[in-house]
Amino acid sequence: MSEHQQFLDERDKIDYLIQKGFRIHRVNEHLNGASVDFVHPEENKTETLLIGNANARKYFSSLLIKQNQ
């Protein structure tokens, strides 16, 4: 898979969770990228995504900043 296609796939997964009402709760950076925990405040559900693409990590970082403003 090309790097750009990997970015698009990871971005789409992030956007899907955000659209469903999930919020970024925790980020754990490691050698394989970042594990991002999403929590749905009303349904008490948790989802974790492994984000390996650098551009996708920048993308969720910008969403996290907007979320916390």
PDB file of N, CA and C in Angstrom:
ATOM      1  N   MET A   1       0.850  -1.169   0.000  1.00  0.00           N
ATOM      2  CA  MET A   1       0.000   0.000   0.000  1.00  0.00           C
ATOM      3  C   MET A   1       0.898   1.235   0.000  1.00  0.00           C
ATOM      4  N   SER A   2       0.528   2.211  -0.811  1.00  0.00           N
ATOM      5  CA  SER A   2       1.322   3.427  -0.864  1.00  0.00           C
ATOM      6  C   SER A   2       1.139   4.231   0.429  1.00  0.00           C
ATOM      7  N   GLU A   3       2.102   5.085   0.674  1.00  0.00           N
ATOM      8  CA  GLU A   3       2.049   5.900   1.887  1.00  0.00           C
ATOM      9  C   GLU A   3       0.826   6.810   1.897  1.00  0.00           C
ATOM     10  N   HIS A   4       0.497   7.364   0.733  1.00  0.00           N
ATOM     11  CA  HIS A   4      -0.666   8.246   0.656  1.00  0.00           C
ATOM     12  C   HIS A   4      -1.955   7.465   0.906  1.00  0.00           C
ATOM     13  N   GLN A   5      -2.053   6.254   0.369  1.00  0.00           N
ATOM     14  CA  GLN A   5      -3.245   5.435   0.586  1.00  0.00           C
ATOM     15  C   GLN A   5      -3.369   5.050   2.061  1.00  0.00           C
ATOM     16  N   GLN A   6      -2.231   4.772   2.712  1.00  0.00           N
ATOM     17  CA  GLN A   6      -2.251   4.465   4.142  1.00  0.00           C
ATOM     18  C   GLN A   6      -2.782   5.668   4.925  1.00  0.00           C
ATOM     19  N   PHE A   7      -2.328   6.863   4.565  1.00  0.00           N
ATOM     20  CA  PHE A   7      -2.827   8.077   5.210  1.00  0.00           C
ATOM     21  C   PHE A   7      -4.335   8.198   5.040  1.00  0.00           C
ATOM     22  N   LEU A   8      -4.829   8.005   3.827  1.00  0.00           N
ATOM     23  CA  LEU A   8      -6.257   8.133   3.566  1.00  0.00           C
ATOM     24  C   LEU A   8      -7.067   7.121   4.381  1.00  0.00           C
ATOM     25  N   ASP A   9      -6.578   5.893   4.464  1.00  0.00           N
ATOM     26  CA  ASP A   9      -7.276   4.860   5.243  1.00  0.00           C
ATOM     27  C   ASP A   9      -7.329   5.221   6.726  1.00  0.00           C
ATOM     28  N   GLU A  10      -6.190   5.659   7.268  1.00  0.00           N
ATOM     29  CA  GLU A  10      -6.143   6.007   8.688  1.00  0.00           C
ATOM     30  C   GLU A  10      -6.973   7.258   8.972  1.00  0.00           C
ATOM     31  N   ARG A  11      -6.938   8.232   8.083  1.00  0.00           N
ATOM     32  CA  ARG A  11      -7.737   9.442   8.247  1.00  0.00           C
ATOM     33  C   ARG A  11      -9.231   9.113   8.240  1.00  0.00           C
ATOM     34  N   ASP A  12      -9.627   8.228   7.333  1.00  0.00           N
ATOM     35  CA  ASP A  12     -11.033   7.841   7.254  1.00  0.00           C
ATOM     36  C   ASP A  12     -11.494   7.139   8.531  1.00  0.00           C
ATOM     37  N   LYS A  13     -10.644   6.308   9.119  1.00  0.00           N
ATOM     38  CA  LYS A  13     -10.995   5.634  10.381  1.00  0.00           C
ATOM     39  C   LYS A  13     -11.157   6.649  11.513  1.00  0.00           C
ATOM     40  N   ILE A  14     -10.258   7.622  11.558  1.00  0.00           N
ATOM     41  CA  ILE A  14     -10.345   8.671  12.580  1.00  0.00           C
ATOM     42  C   ILE A  14     -11.629   9.479  12.386  1.00  0.00           C
ATOM     43  N   ASP A  15     -11.877   9.902  11.157  1.00  0.00           N
ATOM     44  CA  ASP A  15     -13.072  10.698  10.867  1.00  0.00           C
ATOM     45  C   ASP A  15     -14.351   9.938  11.198  1.00  0.00           C
ATOM     46  N   TYR A  16     -14.372   8.647  10.923  1.00  0.00           N
ATOM     47  CA  TYR A  16     -15.551   7.830  11.214  1.00  0.00           C
ATOM     48  C   TYR A  16     -15.863   7.861  12.712  1.00  0.00           C
ATOM     49  N   LEU A  17     -14.844   7.672  13.538  1.00  0.00           N
ATOM     50  CA  LEU A  17     -15.066   7.675  14.986  1.00  0.00           C
ATOM     51  C   LEU A  17     -15.498   9.056  15.485  1.00  0.00           C
ATOM     52  N   ILE A  18     -14.874  10.098  14.965  1.00  0.00           N
ATOM     53  CA  ILE A  18     -15.239  11.460  15.366  1.00  0.00           C
ATOM     54  C   ILE A  18     -16.689  11.752  14.987  1.00  0.00           C
ATOM     55  N   GLN A  19     -17.099  11.337  13.792  1.00  0.00           N
ATOM     56  CA  GLN A  19     -18.477  11.556  13.351  1.00  0.00           C
ATOM     57  C   GLN A  19     -19.476  10.784  14.198  1.00  0.00           C
ATOM     58  N   LYS A  20     -19.059   9.654  14.764  1.00  0.00           N
ATOM     59  CA  LYS A  20     -19.924   8.856  15.627  1.00  0.00           C
ATOM     60  C   LYS A  20     -20.004   9.420  17.050  1.00  0.00           C
ATOM     61  N   GLY A  21     -19.270  10.512  17.323  1.00  0.00           N
ATOM     62  CA  GLY A  21     -19.339  11.155  18.629  1.00  0.00           C
ATOM     63  C   GLY A  21     -18.202  10.811  19.570  1.00  0.00           C
ATOM     64  N   PHE A  22     -17.221  10.044  19.093  1.00  0.00           N
ATOM     65  CA  PHE A  22     -16.080   9.701  19.942  1.00  0.00           C
ATOM     66  C   PHE A  22     -15.168  10.905  20.089  1.00  0.00           C
ATOM     67  N   ARG A  23     -14.451  10.936  21.207  1.00  0.00           N
ATOM     68  CA  ARG A  23     -13.457  11.979  21.475  1.00  0.00           C
ATOM     69  C   ARG A  23     -12.123  11.307  21.762  1.00  0.00           C
ATOM     70  N   ILE A  24     -11.041  11.980  21.389  1.00  0.00           N
ATOM     71  CA  ILE A  24      -9.710  11.447  21.667  1.00  0.00           C
ATOM     72  C   ILE A  24      -9.475  11.541  23.168  1.00  0.00           C
ATOM     73  N   HIS A  25      -9.137  10.411  23.757  1.00  0.00           N
ATOM     74  CA  HIS A  25      -8.953  10.363  25.208  1.00  0.00           C
ATOM     75  C   HIS A  25      -7.475  10.253  25.590  1.00  0.00           C
ATOM     76  N   ARG A  26      -6.743   9.417  24.864  1.00  0.00           N
ATOM     77  CA  ARG A  26      -5.339   9.184  25.226  1.00  0.00           C
ATOM     78  C   ARG A  26      -4.541   8.846  23.976  1.00  0.00           C
ATOM     79  N   VAL A  27      -3.286   9.281  23.953  1.00  0.00           N
ATOM     80  CA  VAL A  27      -2.374   8.977  22.854  1.00  0.00           C
ATOM     81  C   VAL A  27      -1.115   8.373  23.451  1.00  0.00           C
ATOM     82  N   ASN A  28      -0.721   7.228  22.916  1.00  0.00           N
ATOM     83  CA  ASN A  28       0.497   6.566  23.365  1.00  0.00           C
ATOM     84  C   ASN A  28       1.426   6.414  22.165  1.00  0.00           C
ATOM     85  N   GLU A  29       2.500   7.207  22.141  1.00  0.00           N
ATOM     86  CA  GLU A  29       3.472   7.145  21.049  1.00  0.00           C
ATOM     87  C   GLU A  29       4.434   5.983  21.289  1.00  0.00           C
ATOM     88  N   HIS A  30       4.789   5.270  20.219  1.00  0.00           N
ATOM     89  CA  HIS A  30       5.738   4.165  20.300  1.00  0.00           C
ATOM     90  C   HIS A  30       6.431   4.010  18.954  1.00  0.00           C
ATOM     91  N   LEU A  31       7.276   3.006  18.813  1.00  0.00           N
ATOM     92  CA  LEU A  31       8.076   2.851  17.602  1.00  0.00           C
ATOM     93  C   LEU A  31       7.239   2.536  16.358  1.00  0.00           C
ATOM     94  N   ASN A  32       6.066   1.991  16.525  1.00  0.00           N
ATOM     95  CA  ASN A  32       5.202   1.661  15.389  1.00  0.00           C
ATOM     96  C   ASN A  32       4.259   2.798  15.010  1.00  0.00           C
ATOM     97  N   GLY A  33       4.329   3.909  15.696  1.00  0.00           N
ATOM     98  CA  GLY A  33       3.447   5.041  15.429  1.00  0.00           C
ATOM     99  C   GLY A  33       2.817   5.534  16.712  1.00  0.00           C
ATOM    100  N   ALA A  34       1.484   5.499  16.765  1.00  0.00           N
ATOM    101  CA  ALA A  34       0.767   5.958  17.948  1.00  0.00           C
ATOM    102  C   ALA A  34      -0.511   5.140  18.111  1.00  0.00           C
ATOM    103  N   SER A  35      -0.793   4.773  19.336  1.00  0.00           N
ATOM    104  CA  SER A  35      -2.071   4.157  19.664  1.00  0.00           C
ATOM    105  C   SER A  35      -2.961   5.265  20.213  1.00  0.00           C
ATOM    106  N   VAL A  36      -4.109   5.460  19.572  1.00  0.00           N
ATOM    107  CA  VAL A  36      -5.012   6.536  19.957  1.00  0.00           C
ATOM    108  C   VAL A  36      -6.284   5.910  20.509  1.00  0.00           C
ATOM    109  N   ASP A  37      -6.591   6.244  21.762  1.00  0.00           N
ATOM    110  CA  ASP A  37      -7.811   5.752  22.401  1.00  0.00           C
ATOM    111  C   ASP A  37      -8.904   6.790  22.231  1.00  0.00           C
ATOM    112  N   PHE A  38     -10.030   6.343  21.712  1.00  0.00           N
ATOM    113  CA  PHE A  38     -11.209   7.183  21.541  1.00  0.00           C
ATOM    114  C   PHE A  38     -12.273   6.705  22.514  1.00  0.00           C
ATOM    115  N   VAL A  39     -12.976   7.650  23.146  1.00  0.00           N
ATOM    116  CA  VAL A  39     -14.028   7.310  24.103  1.00  0.00           C
ATOM    117  C   VAL A  39     -15.300   8.022  23.669  1.00  0.00           C
ATOM    118  N   HIS A  40     -16.402   7.283  23.712  1.00  0.00           N
ATOM    119  CA  HIS A  40     -17.712   7.887  23.442  1.00  0.00           C
ATOM    120  C   HIS A  40     -18.297   8.266  24.795  1.00  0.00           C
ATOM    121  N   PRO A  41     -18.516   9.559  25.049  1.00  0.00           N
ATOM    122  CA  PRO A  41     -18.927  10.007  26.381  1.00  0.00           C
ATOM    123  C   PRO A  41     -20.304   9.524  26.819  1.00  0.00           C
ATOM    124  N   GLU A  42     -21.211   9.294  25.895  1.00  0.00           N
ATOM    125  CA  GLU A  42     -22.564   8.903  26.273  1.00  0.00           C
ATOM    126  C   GLU A  42     -22.754   7.395  26.330  1.00  0.00           C
ATOM    127  N   GLU A  43     -22.093   6.667  25.444  1.00  0.00           N
ATOM    128  CA  GLU A  43     -22.290   5.225  25.357  1.00  0.00           C
ATOM    129  C   GLU A  43     -21.258   4.433  26.155  1.00  0.00           C
ATOM    130  N   ASN A  44     -20.269   5.111  26.727  1.00  0.00           N
ATOM    131  CA  ASN A  44     -19.229   4.460  27.522  1.00  0.00           C
ATOM    132  C   ASN A  44     -18.501   3.380  26.722  1.00  0.00           C
ATOM    133  N   LYS A  45     -18.212   3.674  25.444  1.00  0.00           N
ATOM    134  CA  LYS A  45     -17.472   2.768  24.570  1.00  0.00           C
ATOM    135  C   LYS A  45     -16.073   3.314  24.357  1.00  0.00           C
ATOM    136  N   THR A  46     -15.127   2.405  24.141  1.00  0.00           N
ATOM    137  CA  THR A  46     -13.750   2.778  23.852  1.00  0.00           C
ATOM    138  C   THR A  46     -13.287   2.060  22.594  1.00  0.00           C
ATOM    139  N   GLU A  47     -12.611   2.776  21.726  1.00  0.00           N
ATOM    140  CA  GLU A  47     -12.008   2.215  20.512  1.00  0.00           C
ATOM    141  C   GLU A  47     -10.555   2.661  20.477  1.00  0.00           C
ATOM    142  N   THR A  48      -9.670   1.794  20.002  1.00  0.00           N
ATOM    143  CA  THR A  48      -8.256   2.125  19.876  1.00  0.00           C
ATOM    144  C   THR A  48      -7.825   1.923  18.432  1.00  0.00           C
ATOM    145  N   LEU A  49      -7.153   2.928  17.883  1.00  0.00           N
ATOM    146  CA  LEU A  49      -6.605   2.839  16.538  1.00  0.00           C
ATOM    147  C   LEU A  49      -5.086   2.924  16.608  1.00  0.00           C
ATOM    148  N   LEU A  50      -4.416   2.116  15.793  1.00  0.00           N
ATOM    149  CA  LEU A  50      -2.971   2.225  15.629  1.00  0.00           C
ATOM    150  C   LEU A  50      -2.731   3.099  14.407  1.00  0.00           C
ATOM    151  N   ILE A  51      -2.128   4.246  14.617  1.00  0.00           N
ATOM    152  CA  ILE A  51      -1.866   5.208  13.549  1.00  0.00           C
ATOM    153  C   ILE A  51      -0.366   5.184  13.273  1.00  0.00           C
ATOM    154  N   GLY A  52       0.005   4.696  12.096  1.00  0.00           N
ATOM    155  CA  GLY A  52       1.412   4.548  11.760  1.00  0.00           C
ATOM    156  C   GLY A  52       1.938   5.602  10.810  1.00  0.00           C
ATOM    157  N   ASN A  53       1.068   6.214  10.046  1.00  0.00           N
ATOM    158  CA  ASN A  53       1.478   7.193   9.054  1.00  0.00           C
ATOM    159  C   ASN A  53       1.730   8.550   9.721  1.00  0.00           C
ATOM    160  N   ALA A  54       2.840   9.183   9.365  1.00  0.00           N
ATOM    161  CA  ALA A  54       3.204  10.466   9.990  1.00  0.00           C
ATOM    162  C   ALA A  54       2.167  11.550   9.714  1.00  0.00           C
ATOM    163  N   ASN A  55       1.633  11.586   8.501  1.00  0.00           N
ATOM    164  CA  ASN A  55       0.629  12.602   8.185  1.00  0.00           C
ATOM    165  C   ASN A  55      -0.666  12.356   8.939  1.00  0.00           C
ATOM    166  N   ALA A  56      -1.018  11.113   9.165  1.00  0.00           N
ATOM    167  CA  ALA A  56      -2.218  10.799   9.947  1.00  0.00           C
ATOM    168  C   ALA A  56      -2.010  11.178  11.413  1.00  0.00           C
ATOM    169  N   ARG A  57      -0.783  11.055  11.915  1.00  0.00           N
ATOM    170  CA  ARG A  57      -0.501  11.481  13.292  1.00  0.00           C
ATOM    171  C   ARG A  57      -0.635  12.995  13.407  1.00  0.00           C
ATOM    172  N   LYS A  58      -0.170  13.722  12.398  1.00  0.00           N
ATOM    173  CA  LYS A  58      -0.357  15.178  12.392  1.00  0.00           C
ATOM    174  C   LYS A  58      -1.843  15.513  12.356  1.00  0.00           C
ATOM    175  N   TYR A  59      -2.599  14.746  11.583  1.00  0.00           N
ATOM    176  CA  TYR A  59      -4.029  14.996  11.438  1.00  0.00           C
ATOM    177  C   TYR A  59      -4.757  14.837  12.777  1.00  0.00           C
ATOM    178  N   PHE A  60      -4.522  13.704  13.480  1.00  0.00           N
ATOM    179  CA  PHE A  60      -5.230  13.538  14.756  1.00  0.00           C
ATOM    180  C   PHE A  60      -4.720  14.526  15.795  1.00  0.00           C
ATOM    181  N   SER A  61      -3.471  14.956  15.678  1.00  0.00           N
ATOM    182  CA  SER A  61      -2.955  15.970  16.604  1.00  0.00           C
ATOM    183  C   SER A  61      -3.709  17.283  16.443  1.00  0.00           C
ATOM    184  N   SER A  62      -3.989  17.653  15.192  1.00  0.00           N
ATOM    185  CA  SER A  62      -4.736  18.888  14.967  1.00  0.00           C
ATOM    186  C   SER A  62      -6.175  18.756  15.485  1.00  0.00           C
ATOM    187  N   LEU A  63      -6.775  17.568  15.343  1.00  0.00           N
ATOM    188  CA  LEU A  63      -8.115  17.343  15.892  1.00  0.00           C
ATOM    189  C   LEU A  63      -8.106  17.407  17.420  1.00  0.00           C
ATOM    190  N   LEU A  64      -7.055  16.908  18.025  1.00  0.00           N
ATOM    191  CA  LEU A  64      -6.936  16.932  19.485  1.00  0.00           C
ATOM    192  C   LEU A  64      -6.831  18.370  19.986  1.00  0.00           C
ATOM    193  N   ILE A  65      -6.077  19.195  19.287  1.00  0.00           N
ATOM    194  CA  ILE A  65      -5.954  20.601  19.671  1.00  0.00           C
ATOM    195  C   ILE A  65      -7.304  21.297  19.576  1.00  0.00           C
ATOM    196  N   LYS A  66      -8.039  21.070  18.478  1.00  0.00           N
ATOM    197  CA  LYS A  66      -9.368  21.674  18.322  1.00  0.00           C
ATOM    198  C   LYS A  66     -10.330  21.177  19.395  1.00  0.00           C
ATOM    199  N   GLN A  67     -10.220  19.893  19.722  1.00  0.00           N
ATOM    200  CA  GLN A  67     -11.097  19.299  20.730  1.00  0.00           C
ATOM    201  C   GLN A  67     -10.897  19.930  22.104  1.00  0.00           C
ATOM    202  N   ASN A  68      -9.671  20.308  22.408  1.00  0.00           N
ATOM    203  CA  ASN A  68      -9.356  20.827  23.741  1.00  0.00           C
ATOM    204  C   ASN A  68      -9.467  22.348  23.844  1.00  0.00           C
ATOM    205  N   GLN A  69      -9.877  23.013  22.787  1.00  0.00           N
ATOM    206  CA  GLN A  69     -10.019  24.480  22.847  1.00  0.00           C
ATOM    207  C   GLN A  69     -11.390  24.849  23.356  1.00  0.00           C
TER     208      GLN A  69
END
